[in-house]
Amino acid sequence: MKSIKIGLLFCLVIFYSLPLHSIEPIVNVPSLPRNLRNYVTDEVKYFETLIDYYLRAKLLESQLGIDTVQPISYTYVQNQDLAAIRNYYNVASSLWQRVKNLPESARFLNCQQNLNKLLNENMLLKIENDSLTVVASNNETYRKLISLRDSIIQSIQLNLIQCEEEISLKYLKMLERPKYSAFLGLNCKAAQWFFDNPRVNTYMAPSLDFEIHLFKVAKDVLGFKFSSSYTYLTNVVEFTDRGFTVKHTYKDDIWNFSTIFYVNLSRIINSHTIHWEIDLHAGYFRGFTKSPTPFTFQNDYKGYSFGFYSMLGGFGRQFPLGVILGASFYKYIDEIGYDGLRLGKPFVPNVFVGFNVNVFNSF
C-alpha cells in the first residue's frame, strides 16, 4: 500500500505543477468542515479532503508563477494528521488572496487546455488501475489496495471536473462585454464654432454633457439616450469706430437638450474588449449673451440642434474612459447679434473632441 500511495502522490506532484492561467483565481477555496475530526472518519475520506485542498493550492500557485507548495507527505496519510489538512487549507486561502490582489493585466486567460491534460492523465491512471484489478483478482490484499487507489482516482477526477466548471464560469464572465455607459455618462468636450462672419472670432468652447441611457433594443445593438449639455462660448467681435478697430468680448451660456439615437458597433463586430458606438442627436437649445460692459447689452435666443459623434471606449473596467469626436449644427430661430453687429438667424456648425466617463460604473 505504501508503494501505491507514494507512486500516486508522485504523479499528483507532476500533474498539478503544470502552469495554469485565468483572468480570476482559477478555483475557489471552500471552508474547512466544522467538525473536521468527526468529518474525516477513514483513510480514504481523509486523503480525499487533503487532496482537495492540495489540488486547489497547486492550481492557484501556478497562476502566480511560483512553486512553493510542499508535496503531500506519505506520513500525513499514514497518520491521518488533521494539521496537514488545516495547513493546506491555509496555504490555498493565502494563494487565492494573492491571485485576487494581482492587477488585472497580470492575470491570464484560458486554462482549458491544461485542465484537459490533467483529466487525460488521471484517466490513464484509472485505466492502469482497472488493468491491475484483473491481474490481482485472486489476491484479496491487492484487491483492497487497488480499490482504495480507484476511489482516490475518482475523487481526483471529480475535483478536476469541479475545477473545470469553476474556470468555465469565470471564462464566460470574463468574455462579457464591458458594461459601458450602463446608466449615466459624462462628456467633457472642446468645440470650435464657425460663424459665417469675418468680424466674429470664436475661441475653443468648453462643453459638459450629462447623458442618461433610456433603453436598449435589438440585443443592445440600438438604443436611446437623453442629454443635457452646457457650453461656454466666447466670441470676440470687431467694431470700427472713427477709423479704429475695436474688439469686444462676449460670453454666451448655451444650454442644449437632446435625444440621442445610437448604434453599438462593438456588438455588430462582436468586440469583447472595446466599446464603439455612433450617436445621432437632435434637440433644442437656449442661449444667453452677456456684454463685456454690464447692463449695456444682453440677448436671449433659442433654436434647434442636431449632429453626430463617434465614441470609442471601454479601455478599463474600473474606470471606463472613452474618447469622442463629432460635429453639431445649430439653427437659430431667433435673430442674434452683438451690439451693432446683426447676424440674423444663422446656421452655425461646430466640431468637437473630448472624452467620456461612465459615471454609473466609475463612482
Foldseek 3Di string as FASTA:
>chain_A
DLVVVVVVLVVVVVLLQDAFFALALLDDQDDADPCNVVQQDDLLSLLLLLVLLQSLLSHLCSQVVDDDDDGDDVVCSVVVDVVSSVVSSVSNVVSNVVRRPDPSVSTDHDRPVSLVVSLVVLVVVLVVLVVVCVVCVPPPVVNVVSVSVNSSSVSVNVSSVVSVVSRVVRNVVLQAAQCFQVFKKKWWKWKDKDAPDPQKDKDTKIKIKIKGWDDADPVNQKGKIKMKMWIWIKIWGWDADPNDIDIWIKIKIKIKIKMKIKGFVCVVVVPRQKTKMKIKIKTKMKMKIDGPDPPPDIDIWIWIKIWMKMKMWRNDNQKIKIKMWIKMKTFTPAWDADVVGTRGGDIMMMIMITMMTNPVRHD
